[in-house]
């Protein structure tokens, strides 16, 4: 059962991250990100976040900031517009993910810490 729960959390987290990135790209760049492209970005970003967290996440404040820079760097690499656009896309993605997780929590589907993108 634990494996099934982990798979469900992974899939839901990927979907939430993908929707957040889609919203960010559409709002900031005013273009269609494409679901697959946004999903790949969310997946690569999550892996990059996890690897960075493993190596430097233990450093107070600096570790989390560097993890965030790496995650935004993935967005910057995958979409045009530079670092400013990547930060804006990441911020919108985070806001959207918080709203989705909150909605899931309100209806009792998940707990807020079960899903999300960095910072949730």
PDB file of N, CA and C in Angstrom:
ATOM      1  N   UNK A   1       0.816  -1.201   0.000  1.00  0.00           N
ATOM      2  CA  UNK A   1       0.000   0.000   0.000  1.00  0.00           C
ATOM      3  C   UNK A   1       0.859   1.265   0.000  1.00  0.00           C
ATOM      4  N   UNK A   2       2.013   1.224   0.687  1.00  0.00           N
ATOM      5  CA  UNK A   2       2.891   2.388   0.738  1.00  0.00           C
ATOM      6  C   UNK A   2       3.404   2.752  -0.652  1.00  0.00           C
ATOM      7  N   UNK A   3       3.701   1.753  -1.475  1.00  0.00           N
ATOM      8  CA  UNK A   3       4.175   2.016  -2.832  1.00  0.00           C
ATOM      9  C   UNK A   3       3.083   2.695  -3.658  1.00  0.00           C
ATOM     10  N   UNK A   4       1.857   2.228  -3.511  1.00  0.00           N
ATOM     11  CA  UNK A   4       0.739   2.835  -4.237  1.00  0.00           C
ATOM     12  C   UNK A   4       0.535   4.279  -3.793  1.00  0.00           C
ATOM     13  N   UNK A   5       0.656   4.539  -2.494  1.00  0.00           N
ATOM     14  CA  UNK A   5       0.528   5.911  -1.984  1.00  0.00           C
ATOM     15  C   UNK A   5       1.629   6.801  -2.557  1.00  0.00           C
ATOM     16  N   UNK A   6       2.846   6.288  -2.591  1.00  0.00           N
ATOM     17  CA  UNK A   6       3.971   7.055  -3.124  1.00  0.00           C
ATOM     18  C   UNK A   6       3.780   7.371  -4.597  1.00  0.00           C
ATOM     19  N   UNK A   7       3.302   6.402  -5.340  1.00  0.00           N
ATOM     20  CA  UNK A   7       3.050   6.618  -6.772  1.00  0.00           C
ATOM     21  C   UNK A   7       1.954   7.660  -6.962  1.00  0.00           C
ATOM     22  N   UNK A   8       0.887   7.565  -6.190  1.00  0.00           N
ATOM     23  CA  UNK A   8      -0.201   8.542  -6.281  1.00  0.00           C
ATOM     24  C   UNK A   8       0.295   9.938  -5.947  1.00  0.00           C
ATOM     25  N   UNK A   9       1.075  10.080  -4.899  1.00  0.00           N
ATOM     26  CA  UNK A   9       1.607  11.390  -4.513  1.00  0.00           C
ATOM     27  C   UNK A   9       2.522  11.936  -5.608  1.00  0.00           C
ATOM     28  N   UNK A  10       3.359  11.073  -6.177  1.00  0.00           N
ATOM     29  CA  UNK A  10       4.236  11.501  -7.264  1.00  0.00           C
ATOM     30  C   UNK A  10       3.434  12.001  -8.459  1.00  0.00           C
ATOM     31  N   UNK A  11       2.440  11.235  -8.873  1.00  0.00           N
ATOM     32  CA  UNK A  11       1.629  11.603 -10.038  1.00  0.00           C
ATOM     33  C   UNK A  11       0.870  12.904  -9.785  1.00  0.00           C
ATOM     34  N   UNK A  12       0.242  13.013  -8.616  1.00  0.00           N
ATOM     35  CA  UNK A  12      -0.492  14.236  -8.300  1.00  0.00           C
ATOM     36  C   UNK A  12       0.446  15.442  -8.211  1.00  0.00           C
ATOM     37  N   UNK A  13       1.620  15.249  -7.629  1.00  0.00           N
ATOM     38  CA  UNK A  13       2.597  16.333  -7.544  1.00  0.00           C
ATOM     39  C   UNK A  13       3.044  16.772  -8.933  1.00  0.00           C
ATOM     40  N   UNK A  14       3.272  15.813  -9.809  1.00  0.00           N
ATOM     41  CA  UNK A  14       3.674  16.135 -11.173  1.00  0.00           C
ATOM     42  C   UNK A  14       2.563  16.899 -11.898  1.00  0.00           C
ATOM     43  N   UNK A  15       1.324  16.479 -11.713  1.00  0.00           N
ATOM     44  CA  UNK A  15       0.198  17.172 -12.347  1.00  0.00           C
ATOM     45  C   UNK A  15       0.065  18.588 -11.805  1.00  0.00           C
ATOM     46  N   UNK A  16       0.172  18.752 -10.491  1.00  0.00           N
ATOM     47  CA  UNK A  16       0.067  20.087  -9.881  1.00  0.00           C
ATOM     48  C   UNK A  16       1.194  20.981 -10.385  1.00  0.00           C
ATOM     49  N   UNK A  17       2.421  20.465 -10.401  1.00  0.00           N
ATOM     50  CA  UNK A  17       3.551  21.239 -10.906  1.00  0.00           C
ATOM     51  C   UNK A  17       3.391  21.610 -12.368  1.00  0.00           C
ATOM     52  N   UNK A  18       2.893  20.670 -13.151  1.00  0.00           N
ATOM     53  CA  UNK A  18       2.669  20.917 -14.576  1.00  0.00           C
ATOM     54  C   UNK A  18       1.635  22.009 -14.789  1.00  0.00           C
ATOM     55  N   UNK A  19       0.534  21.939 -14.076  1.00  0.00           N
ATOM     56  CA  UNK A  19      -0.512  22.961 -14.200  1.00  0.00           C
ATOM     57  C   UNK A  19       0.025  24.326 -13.787  1.00  0.00           C
ATOM     58  N   UNK A  20       0.813  24.351 -12.718  1.00  0.00           N
ATOM     59  CA  UNK A  20       1.404  25.610 -12.269  1.00  0.00           C
ATOM     60  C   UNK A  20       2.325  26.211 -13.315  1.00  0.00           C
ATOM     61  N   UNK A  21       3.175  25.394 -13.906  1.00  0.00           N
ATOM     62  CA  UNK A  21       4.088  25.891 -14.934  1.00  0.00           C
ATOM     63  C   UNK A  21       3.323  26.323 -16.179  1.00  0.00           C
ATOM     64  N   UNK A  22       2.304  25.553 -16.563  1.00  0.00           N
ATOM     65  CA  UNK A  22       1.459  25.968 -17.696  1.00  0.00           C
ATOM     66  C   UNK A  22       0.867  27.352 -17.456  1.00  0.00           C
ATOM     67  N   UNK A  23       0.316  27.559 -16.275  1.00  0.00           N
ATOM     68  CA  UNK A  23      -0.287  28.851 -15.937  1.00  0.00           C
ATOM     69  C   UNK A  23       0.761  29.957 -15.960  1.00  0.00           C
ATOM     70  N   UNK A  24       1.940  29.671 -15.406  1.00  0.00           N
ATOM     71  CA  UNK A  24       3.002  30.673 -15.376  1.00  0.00           C
ATOM     72  C   UNK A  24       3.460  31.072 -16.757  1.00  0.00           C
ATOM     73  N   UNK A  25       3.669  30.097 -17.623  1.00  0.00           N
ATOM     74  CA  UNK A  25       4.116  30.396 -18.983  1.00  0.00           C
ATOM     75  C   UNK A  25       3.040  31.167 -19.740  1.00  0.00           C
ATOM     76  N   UNK A  26       1.802  30.758 -19.585  1.00  0.00           N
ATOM     77  CA  UNK A  26       0.717  31.465 -20.290  1.00  0.00           C
ATOM     78  C   UNK A  26       0.574  32.897 -19.796  1.00  0.00           C
ATOM     79  N   UNK A  27       0.713  33.117 -18.503  1.00  0.00           N
ATOM     80  CA  UNK A  27       0.559  34.460 -17.952  1.00  0.00           C
ATOM     81  C   UNK A  27       1.779  35.334 -18.251  1.00  0.00           C
ATOM     82  N   UNK A  28       2.963  34.804 -18.040  1.00  0.00           N
ATOM     83  CA  UNK A  28       4.180  35.606 -18.166  1.00  0.00           C
ATOM     84  C   UNK A  28       4.620  35.760 -19.623  1.00  0.00           C
ATOM     85  N   UNK A  29       4.629  34.687 -20.366  1.00  0.00           N
ATOM     86  CA  UNK A  29       5.119  34.740 -21.744  1.00  0.00           C
ATOM     87  C   UNK A  29       4.009  34.889 -22.773  1.00  0.00           C
ATOM     88  N   UNK A  30       2.768  34.775 -22.335  1.00  0.00           N
ATOM     89  CA  UNK A  30       1.616  34.878 -23.226  1.00  0.00           C
ATOM     90  C   UNK A  30       1.727  33.918 -24.407  1.00  0.00           C
ATOM     91  N   UNK A  31       2.050  32.662 -24.076  1.00  0.00           N
ATOM     92  CA  UNK A  31       2.126  31.629 -25.102  1.00  0.00           C
ATOM     93  C   UNK A  31       1.751  30.290 -24.493  1.00  0.00           C
ATOM     94  N   UNK A  32       1.412  29.353 -25.355  1.00  0.00           N
ATOM     95  CA  UNK A  32       1.055  28.018 -24.895  1.00  0.00           C
ATOM     96  C   UNK A  32       2.336  27.241 -24.616  1.00  0.00           C
ATOM     97  N   UNK A  33       2.433  26.724 -23.404  1.00  0.00           N
ATOM     98  CA  UNK A  33       3.634  25.983 -23.012  1.00  0.00           C
ATOM     99  C   UNK A  33       3.610  24.566 -23.545  1.00  0.00           C
ATOM    100  N   UNK A  34       2.426  24.043 -23.807  1.00  0.00           N
ATOM    101  CA  UNK A  34       2.290  22.638 -24.175  1.00  0.00           C
ATOM    102  C   UNK A  34       2.349  21.787 -22.921  1.00  0.00           C
ATOM    103  N   UNK A  35       1.365  20.914 -22.756  1.00  0.00           N
ATOM    104  CA  UNK A  35       1.276  20.112 -21.538  1.00  0.00           C
ATOM    105  C   UNK A  35       2.503  19.234 -21.338  1.00  0.00           C
ATOM    106  N   UNK A  36       2.948  18.582 -22.403  1.00  0.00           N
ATOM    107  CA  UNK A  36       4.110  17.680 -22.292  1.00  0.00           C
ATOM    108  C   UNK A  36       5.362  18.468 -21.917  1.00  0.00           C
ATOM    109  N   UNK A  37       5.576  19.606 -22.553  1.00  0.00           N
ATOM    110  CA  UNK A  37       6.741  20.438 -22.251  1.00  0.00           C
ATOM    111  C   UNK A  37       6.710  20.902 -20.792  1.00  0.00           C
ATOM    112  N   UNK A  38       5.538  21.316 -20.318  1.00  0.00           N
ATOM    113  CA  UNK A  38       5.408  21.750 -18.929  1.00  0.00           C
ATOM    114  C   UNK A  38       5.630  20.576 -17.975  1.00  0.00           C
ATOM    115  N   UNK A  39       5.147  19.390 -18.340  1.00  0.00           N
ATOM    116  CA  UNK A  39       5.340  18.203 -17.497  1.00  0.00           C
ATOM    117  C   UNK A  39       6.815  17.819 -17.429  1.00  0.00           C
ATOM    118  N   UNK A  40       7.506  17.888 -18.558  1.00  0.00           N
ATOM    119  CA  UNK A  40       8.937  17.587 -18.570  1.00  0.00           C
ATOM    120  C   UNK A  40       9.686  18.613 -17.712  1.00  0.00           C
ATOM    121  N   UNK A  41       9.316  19.875 -17.828  1.00  0.00           N
ATOM    122  CA  UNK A  41       9.932  20.921 -17.016  1.00  0.00           C
ATOM    123  C   UNK A  41       9.683  20.679 -15.534  1.00  0.00           C
ATOM    124  N   UNK A  42       8.458  20.325 -15.190  1.00  0.00           N
ATOM    125  CA  UNK A  42       8.127  20.040 -13.786  1.00  0.00           C
ATOM    126  C   UNK A  42       8.928  18.850 -13.281  1.00  0.00           C
ATOM    127  N   UNK A  43       9.060  17.817 -14.088  1.00  0.00           N
ATOM    128  CA  UNK A  43       9.807  16.625 -13.682  1.00  0.00           C
ATOM    129  C   UNK A  43      11.296  16.924 -13.518  1.00  0.00           C
ATOM    130  N   UNK A  44      11.891  17.590 -14.497  1.00  0.00           N
ATOM    131  CA  UNK A  44      13.307  17.942 -14.405  1.00  0.00           C
ATOM    132  C   UNK A  44      13.542  18.875 -13.217  1.00  0.00           C
ATOM    133  N   UNK A  45      12.642  19.838 -13.030  1.00  0.00           N
ATOM    134  CA  UNK A  45      12.764  20.761 -11.898  1.00  0.00           C
ATOM    135  C   UNK A  45      12.694  20.049 -10.564  1.00  0.00           C
ATOM    136  N   UNK A  46      11.806  19.082 -10.455  1.00  0.00           N
ATOM    137  CA  UNK A  46      11.678  18.323  -9.205  1.00  0.00           C
ATOM    138  C   UNK A  46      12.923  17.487  -8.936  1.00  0.00           C
ATOM    139  N   UNK A  47      13.464  16.875  -9.982  1.00  0.00           N
ATOM    140  CA  UNK A  47      14.681  16.075  -9.825  1.00  0.00           C
ATOM    141  C   UNK A  47      15.858  16.979  -9.451  1.00  0.00           C
ATOM    142  N   UNK A  48      15.978  18.113 -10.125  1.00  0.00           N
ATOM    143  CA  UNK A  48      17.060  19.054  -9.820  1.00  0.00           C
ATOM    144  C   UNK A  48      16.940  19.560  -8.384  1.00  0.00           C
ATOM    145  N   UNK A  49      15.718  19.864  -7.953  1.00  0.00           N
ATOM    146  CA  UNK A  49      15.462  20.311  -6.581  1.00  0.00           C
ATOM    147  C   UNK A  49      15.893  19.221  -5.591  1.00  0.00           C
ATOM    148  N   UNK A  50      15.507  17.986  -5.873  1.00  0.00           N
ATOM    149  CA  UNK A  50      15.821  16.881  -4.965  1.00  0.00           C
ATOM    150  C   UNK A  50      17.324  16.639  -4.870  1.00  0.00           C
ATOM    151  N   UNK A  51      18.017  16.669  -5.991  1.00  0.00           N
ATOM    152  CA  UNK A  51      19.469  16.449  -5.984  1.00  0.00           C
ATOM    153  C   UNK A  51      20.167  17.583  -5.236  1.00  0.00           C
ATOM    154  N   UNK A  52      19.767  18.802  -5.516  1.00  0.00           N
ATOM    155  CA  UNK A  52      20.363  19.943  -4.823  1.00  0.00           C
ATOM    156  C   UNK A  52      20.067  19.869  -3.333  1.00  0.00           C
ATOM    157  N   UNK A  53      18.858  19.491  -2.996  1.00  0.00           N
ATOM    158  CA  UNK A  53      18.476  19.348  -1.593  1.00  0.00           C
ATOM    159  C   UNK A  53      19.341  18.309  -0.893  1.00  0.00           C
ATOM    160  N   UNK A  54      19.615  17.217  -1.568  1.00  0.00           N
ATOM    161  CA  UNK A  54      20.423  16.137  -0.991  1.00  0.00           C
ATOM    162  C   UNK A  54      21.826  16.634  -0.639  1.00  0.00           C
ATOM    163  N   UNK A  55      22.413  17.425  -1.548  1.00  0.00           N
ATOM    164  CA  UNK A  55      23.793  17.848  -1.348  1.00  0.00           C
ATOM    165  C   UNK A  55      23.949  19.105  -0.497  1.00  0.00           C
ATOM    166  N   UNK A  56      23.048  20.077  -0.640  1.00  0.00           N
ATOM    167  CA  UNK A  56      23.239  21.335   0.097  1.00  0.00           C
ATOM    168  C   UNK A  56      22.008  21.804   0.859  1.00  0.00           C
ATOM    169  N   UNK A  57      20.951  21.022   0.838  1.00  0.00           N
ATOM    170  CA  UNK A  57      19.715  21.426   1.499  1.00  0.00           C
ATOM    171  C   UNK A  57      19.850  21.597   2.997  1.00  0.00           C
ATOM    172  N   UNK A  58      20.856  20.997   3.583  1.00  0.00           N
ATOM    173  CA  UNK A  58      21.052  21.059   5.024  1.00  0.00           C
ATOM    174  C   UNK A  58      21.631  22.393   5.476  1.00  0.00           C
ATOM    175  N   UNK A  59      22.157  23.203   4.542  1.00  0.00           N
ATOM    176  CA  UNK A  59      22.749  24.493   4.903  1.00  0.00           C
ATOM    177  C   UNK A  59      21.612  25.480   5.189  1.00  0.00           C
ATOM    178  N   UNK A  60      21.559  26.012   6.406  1.00  0.00           N
ATOM    179  CA  UNK A  60      20.465  26.934   6.749  1.00  0.00           C
ATOM    180  C   UNK A  60      20.397  28.117   5.778  1.00  0.00           C
ATOM    181  N   UNK A  61      19.225  28.440   5.359  1.00  0.00           N
ATOM    182  CA  UNK A  61      18.855  29.535   4.457  1.00  0.00           C
ATOM    183  C   UNK A  61      19.531  29.417   3.089  1.00  0.00           C
ATOM    184  N   UNK A  62      20.844  29.361   3.048  1.00  0.00           N
ATOM    185  CA  UNK A  62      21.567  29.279   1.781  1.00  0.00           C
ATOM    186  C   UNK A  62      21.193  28.032   0.990  1.00  0.00           C
ATOM    187  N   UNK A  63      21.030  26.905   1.665  1.00  0.00           N
ATOM    188  CA  UNK A  63      20.664  25.667   0.981  1.00  0.00           C
ATOM    189  C   UNK A  63      19.339  25.791   0.253  1.00  0.00           C
ATOM    190  N   UNK A  64      18.337  26.311   0.945  1.00  0.00           N
ATOM    191  CA  UNK A  64      17.015  26.474   0.330  1.00  0.00           C
ATOM    192  C   UNK A  64      17.072  27.496  -0.802  1.00  0.00           C
ATOM    193  N   UNK A  65      17.797  28.579  -0.615  1.00  0.00           N
ATOM    194  CA  UNK A  65      17.914  29.579  -1.680  1.00  0.00           C
ATOM    195  C   UNK A  65      18.596  29.000  -2.919  1.00  0.00           C
ATOM    196  N   UNK A  66      19.643  28.215  -2.722  1.00  0.00           N
ATOM    197  CA  UNK A  66      20.306  27.594  -3.867  1.00  0.00           C
ATOM    198  C   UNK A  66      19.410  26.566  -4.548  1.00  0.00           C
ATOM    199  N   UNK A  67      18.622  25.843  -3.765  1.00  0.00           N
ATOM    200  CA  UNK A  67      17.672  24.893  -4.350  1.00  0.00           C
ATOM    201  C   UNK A  67      16.661  25.638  -5.221  1.00  0.00           C
ATOM    202  N   UNK A  68      16.193  26.772  -4.739  1.00  0.00           N
ATOM    203  CA  UNK A  68      15.239  27.578  -5.498  1.00  0.00           C
ATOM    204  C   UNK A  68      15.882  28.123  -6.772  1.00  0.00           C
ATOM    205  N   UNK A  69      17.123  28.566  -6.690  1.00  0.00           N
ATOM    206  CA  UNK A  69      17.829  29.066  -7.872  1.00  0.00           C
ATOM    207  C   UNK A  69      17.975  27.958  -8.915  1.00  0.00           C
ATOM    208  N   UNK A  70      18.277  26.752  -8.477  1.00  0.00           N
ATOM    209  CA  UNK A  70      18.396  25.621  -9.411  1.00  0.00           C
ATOM    210  C   UNK A  70      17.051  25.341 -10.074  1.00  0.00           C
ATOM    211  N   UNK A  71      15.970  25.350  -9.290  1.00  0.00           N
ATOM    212  CA  UNK A  71      14.634  25.095  -9.844  1.00  0.00           C
ATOM    213  C   UNK A  71      14.260  26.175 -10.863  1.00  0.00           C
ATOM    214  N   UNK A  72      14.497  27.436 -10.525  1.00  0.00           N
ATOM    215  CA  UNK A  72      14.217  28.530 -11.462  1.00  0.00           C
ATOM    216  C   UNK A  72      15.144  28.418 -12.670  1.00  0.00           C
ATOM    217  N   UNK A  73      16.370  27.959 -12.453  1.00  0.00           N
ATOM    218  CA  UNK A  73      17.299  27.747 -13.563  1.00  0.00           C
ATOM    219  C   UNK A  73      16.780  26.739 -14.570  1.00  0.00           C
ATOM    220  N   UNK A  74      16.116  25.707 -14.095  1.00  0.00           N
ATOM    221  CA  UNK A  74      15.505  24.726 -15.006  1.00  0.00           C
ATOM    222  C   UNK A  74      14.422  25.410 -15.844  1.00  0.00           C
ATOM    223  N   UNK A  75      13.608  26.228 -15.219  1.00  0.00           N
ATOM    224  CA  UNK A  75      12.567  26.963 -15.957  1.00  0.00           C
ATOM    225  C   UNK A  75      13.230  27.884 -16.978  1.00  0.00           C
ATOM    226  N   UNK A  76      14.292  28.572 -16.574  1.00  0.00           N
ATOM    227  CA  UNK A  76      15.013  29.471 -17.474  1.00  0.00           C
ATOM    228  C   UNK A  76      15.586  28.715 -18.669  1.00  0.00           C
ATOM    229  N   UNK A  77      16.091  27.522 -18.433  1.00  0.00           N
ATOM    230  CA  UNK A  77      16.662  26.689 -19.490  1.00  0.00           C
ATOM    231  C   UNK A  77      15.591  26.212 -20.462  1.00  0.00           C
ATOM    232  N   UNK A  78      14.396  25.914 -19.956  1.00  0.00           N
ATOM    233  CA  UNK A  78      13.342  25.310 -20.772  1.00  0.00           C
ATOM    234  C   UNK A  78      12.472  26.330 -21.522  1.00  0.00           C
ATOM    235  N   UNK A  79      12.458  27.588 -21.073  1.00  0.00           N
ATOM    236  CA  UNK A  79      11.585  28.597 -21.682  1.00  0.00           C
ATOM    237  C   UNK A  79      12.367  29.863 -21.995  1.00  0.00           C
ATOM    238  N   UNK A  80      11.940  30.589 -23.031  1.00  0.00           N
ATOM    239  CA  UNK A  80      12.625  31.838 -23.375  1.00  0.00           C
ATOM    240  C   UNK A  80      12.261  32.951 -22.386  1.00  0.00           C
ATOM    241  N   UNK A  81      13.014  34.025 -22.442  1.00  0.00           N
ATOM    242  CA  UNK A  81      12.654  35.191 -21.651  1.00  0.00           C
ATOM    243  C   UNK A  81      13.657  35.567 -20.584  1.00  0.00           C
ATOM    244  N   UNK A  82      14.616  34.717 -20.309  1.00  0.00           N
ATOM    245  CA  UNK A  82      15.642  35.054 -19.331  1.00  0.00           C
ATOM    246  C   UNK A  82      15.240  34.762 -17.892  1.00  0.00           C
ATOM    247  N   UNK A  83      16.129  35.175 -16.991  1.00  0.00           N
ATOM    248  CA  UNK A  83      15.940  34.876 -15.575  1.00  0.00           C
ATOM    249  C   UNK A  83      14.729  35.583 -14.978  1.00  0.00           C
ATOM    250  N   UNK A  84      14.457  36.806 -15.415  1.00  0.00           N
ATOM    251  CA  UNK A  84      13.296  37.530 -14.890  1.00  0.00           C
ATOM    252  C   UNK A  84      11.996  36.807 -15.207  1.00  0.00           C
ATOM    253  N   UNK A  85      11.879  36.356 -16.442  1.00  0.00           N
ATOM    254  CA  UNK A  85      10.682  35.609 -16.833  1.00  0.00           C
ATOM    255  C   UNK A  85      10.607  34.281 -16.082  1.00  0.00           C
ATOM    256  N   UNK A  86      11.752  33.639 -15.897  1.00  0.00           N
ATOM    257  CA  UNK A  86      11.773  32.353 -15.186  1.00  0.00           C
ATOM    258  C   UNK A  86      11.330  32.526 -13.735  1.00  0.00           C
ATOM    259  N   UNK A  87      11.789  33.587 -13.091  1.00  0.00           N
ATOM    260  CA  UNK A  87      11.362  33.865 -11.713  1.00  0.00           C
ATOM    261  C   UNK A  87       9.856  34.116 -11.669  1.00  0.00           C
ATOM    262  N   UNK A  88       9.355  34.887 -12.617  1.00  0.00           N
ATOM    263  CA  UNK A  88       7.912  35.178 -12.660  1.00  0.00           C
ATOM    264  C   UNK A  88       7.107  33.906 -12.920  1.00  0.00           C
ATOM    265  N   UNK A  89       7.564  33.072 -13.836  1.00  0.00           N
ATOM    266  CA  UNK A  89       6.886  31.798 -14.112  1.00  0.00           C
ATOM    267  C   UNK A  89       6.884  30.934 -12.866  1.00  0.00           C
ATOM    268  N   UNK A  90       8.021  30.845 -12.195  1.00  0.00           N
ATOM    269  CA  UNK A  90       8.119  30.062 -10.963  1.00  0.00           C
ATOM    270  C   UNK A  90       7.193  30.579  -9.876  1.00  0.00           C
ATOM    271  N   UNK A  91       7.093  31.890  -9.755  1.00  0.00           N
ATOM    272  CA  UNK A  91       6.206  32.481  -8.743  1.00  0.00           C
ATOM    273  C   UNK A  91       4.748  32.158  -9.045  1.00  0.00           C
ATOM    274  N   UNK A  92       4.349  32.326 -10.297  1.00  0.00           N
ATOM    275  CA  UNK A  92       2.975  31.993 -10.683  1.00  0.00           C
ATOM    276  C   UNK A  92       2.717  30.503 -10.465  1.00  0.00           C
ATOM    277  N   UNK A  93       3.675  29.666 -10.845  1.00  0.00           N
ATOM    278  CA  UNK A  93       3.523  28.215 -10.654  1.00  0.00           C
ATOM    279  C   UNK A  93       3.330  27.891  -9.176  1.00  0.00           C
ATOM    280  N   UNK A  94       4.087  28.546  -8.318  1.00  0.00           N
ATOM    281  CA  UNK A  94       3.968  28.311  -6.879  1.00  0.00           C
ATOM    282  C   UNK A  94       2.586  28.731  -6.368  1.00  0.00           C
ATOM    283  N   UNK A  95       2.115  29.907  -6.780  1.00  0.00           N
ATOM    284  CA  UNK A  95       0.793  30.394  -6.354  1.00  0.00           C
ATOM    285  C   UNK A  95      -0.306  29.428  -6.818  1.00  0.00           C
ATOM    286  N   UNK A  96      -0.239  29.000  -8.064  1.00  0.00           N
ATOM    287  CA  UNK A  96      -1.234  28.066  -8.601  1.00  0.00           C
ATOM    288  C   UNK A  96      -1.190  26.743  -7.839  1.00  0.00           C
ATOM    289  N   UNK A  97       0.014  26.251  -7.578  1.00  0.00           N
ATOM    290  CA  UNK A  97       0.147  24.985  -6.848  1.00  0.00           C
ATOM    291  C   UNK A  97      -0.420  25.105  -5.433  1.00  0.00           C
ATOM    292  N   UNK A  98      -0.163  26.212  -4.770  1.00  0.00           N
ATOM    293  CA  UNK A  98      -0.715  26.429  -3.426  1.00  0.00           C
ATOM    294  C   UNK A  98      -2.239  26.412  -3.482  1.00  0.00           C
ATOM    295  N   UNK A  99      -2.807  27.074  -4.474  1.00  0.00           N
ATOM    296  CA  UNK A  99      -4.271  27.111  -4.608  1.00  0.00           C
ATOM    297  C   UNK A  99      -4.839  25.711  -4.851  1.00  0.00           C
ATOM    298  N   UNK A 100      -4.188  24.938  -5.702  1.00  0.00           N
ATOM    299  CA  UNK A 100      -4.667  23.578  -5.991  1.00  0.00           C
ATOM    300  C   UNK A 100      -4.567  22.698  -4.750  1.00  0.00           C
ATOM    301  N   UNK A 101      -3.418  22.753  -4.074  1.00  0.00           N
ATOM    302  CA  UNK A 101      -3.234  21.935  -2.874  1.00  0.00           C
ATOM    303  C   UNK A 101      -4.230  22.351  -1.792  1.00  0.00           C
ATOM    304  N   UNK A 102      -4.466  23.643  -1.664  1.00  0.00           N
ATOM    305  CA  UNK A 102      -5.445  24.125  -0.693  1.00  0.00           C
ATOM    306  C   UNK A 102      -6.835  23.574  -1.021  1.00  0.00           C
ATOM    307  N   UNK A 103      -7.204  23.617  -2.300  1.00  0.00           N
ATOM    308  CA  UNK A 103      -8.509  23.082  -2.708  1.00  0.00           C
ATOM    309  C   UNK A 103      -8.602  21.588  -2.407  1.00  0.00           C
ATOM    310  N   UNK A 104      -7.543  20.847  -2.703  1.00  0.00           N
ATOM    311  CA  UNK A 104      -7.518  19.414  -2.380  1.00  0.00           C
ATOM    312  C   UNK A 104      -7.650  19.181  -0.878  1.00  0.00           C
ATOM    313  N   UNK A 105      -6.984  20.014  -0.087  1.00  0.00           N
ATOM    314  CA  UNK A 105      -7.041  19.870   1.377  1.00  0.00           C
ATOM    315  C   UNK A 105      -8.424  20.195   1.915  1.00  0.00           C
ATOM    316  N   UNK A 106      -9.063  21.215   1.348  1.00  0.00           N
ATOM    317  CA  UNK A 106     -10.405  21.607   1.803  1.00  0.00           C
ATOM    318  C   UNK A 106     -11.412  20.486   1.581  1.00  0.00           C
ATOM    319  N   UNK A 107     -11.291  19.801   0.453  1.00  0.00           N
ATOM    320  CA  UNK A 107     -12.241  18.714   0.193  1.00  0.00           C
ATOM    321  C   UNK A 107     -11.803  17.402   0.848  1.00  0.00           C
ATOM    322  N   UNK A 108     -10.641  17.434   1.524  1.00  0.00           N
ATOM    323  CA  UNK A 108     -10.190  16.259   2.266  1.00  0.00           C
ATOM    324  C   UNK A 108      -9.509  15.201   1.421  1.00  0.00           C
ATOM    325  N   UNK A 109      -9.089  15.573   0.219  1.00  0.00           N
ATOM    326  CA  UNK A 109      -8.439  14.616  -0.676  1.00  0.00           C
ATOM    327  C   UNK A 109      -6.999  14.341  -0.257  1.00  0.00           C
ATOM    328  N   UNK A 110      -6.302  15.373   0.198  1.00  0.00           N
ATOM    329  CA  UNK A 110      -4.907  15.248   0.633  1.00  0.00           C
ATOM    330  C   UNK A 110      -4.657  16.177   1.811  1.00  0.00           C
ATOM    331  N   UNK A 111      -3.492  16.017   2.414  1.00  0.00           N
ATOM    332  CA  UNK A 111      -3.021  17.004   3.373  1.00  0.00           C
ATOM    333  C   UNK A 111      -2.123  17.964   2.604  1.00  0.00           C
ATOM    334  N   UNK A 112      -2.030  19.215   3.016  1.00  0.00           N
ATOM    335  CA  UNK A 112      -1.260  20.199   2.249  1.00  0.00           C
ATOM    336  C   UNK A 112       0.201  19.828   2.032  1.00  0.00           C
ATOM    337  N   UNK A 113       0.806  19.068   2.920  1.00  0.00           N
ATOM    338  CA  UNK A 113       2.217  18.726   2.745  1.00  0.00           C
ATOM    339  C   UNK A 113       2.441  17.538   1.813  1.00  0.00           C
ATOM    340  N   UNK A 114       1.387  16.966   1.280  1.00  0.00           N
ATOM    341  CA  UNK A 114       1.514  15.763   0.459  1.00  0.00           C
ATOM    342  C   UNK A 114       1.869  16.065  -0.985  1.00  0.00           C
ATOM    343  N   UNK A 115       1.594  17.264  -1.448  1.00  0.00           N
ATOM    344  CA  UNK A 115       1.784  17.591  -2.866  1.00  0.00           C
ATOM    345  C   UNK A 115       2.624  18.824  -3.040  1.00  0.00           C
ATOM    346  N   UNK A 116       2.903  19.105  -4.316  1.00  0.00           N
ATOM    347  CA  UNK A 116       3.373  20.421  -4.639  1.00  0.00           C
ATOM    348  C   UNK A 116       4.707  20.541  -5.326  1.00  0.00           C
ATOM    349  N   UNK A 117       5.095  21.782  -5.448  1.00  0.00           N
ATOM    350  CA  UNK A 117       6.363  22.177  -6.003  1.00  0.00           C
ATOM    351  C   UNK A 117       7.132  22.830  -4.872  1.00  0.00           C
ATOM    352  N   UNK A 118       8.334  23.208  -5.072  1.00  0.00           N
ATOM    353  CA  UNK A 118       9.155  23.730  -3.988  1.00  0.00           C
ATOM    354  C   UNK A 118       8.451  24.760  -3.122  1.00  0.00           C
ATOM    355  N   UNK A 119       8.566  24.563  -1.834  1.00  0.00           N
ATOM    356  CA  UNK A 119       8.040  25.527  -0.887  1.00  0.00           C
ATOM    357  C   UNK A 119       6.683  25.213  -0.324  1.00  0.00           C
ATOM    358  N   UNK A 120       6.031  24.184  -0.802  1.00  0.00           N
ATOM    359  CA  UNK A 120       4.698  23.864  -0.274  1.00  0.00           C
ATOM    360  C   UNK A 120       4.828  22.891   0.869  1.00  0.00           C
TER     361      UNK A 120
END
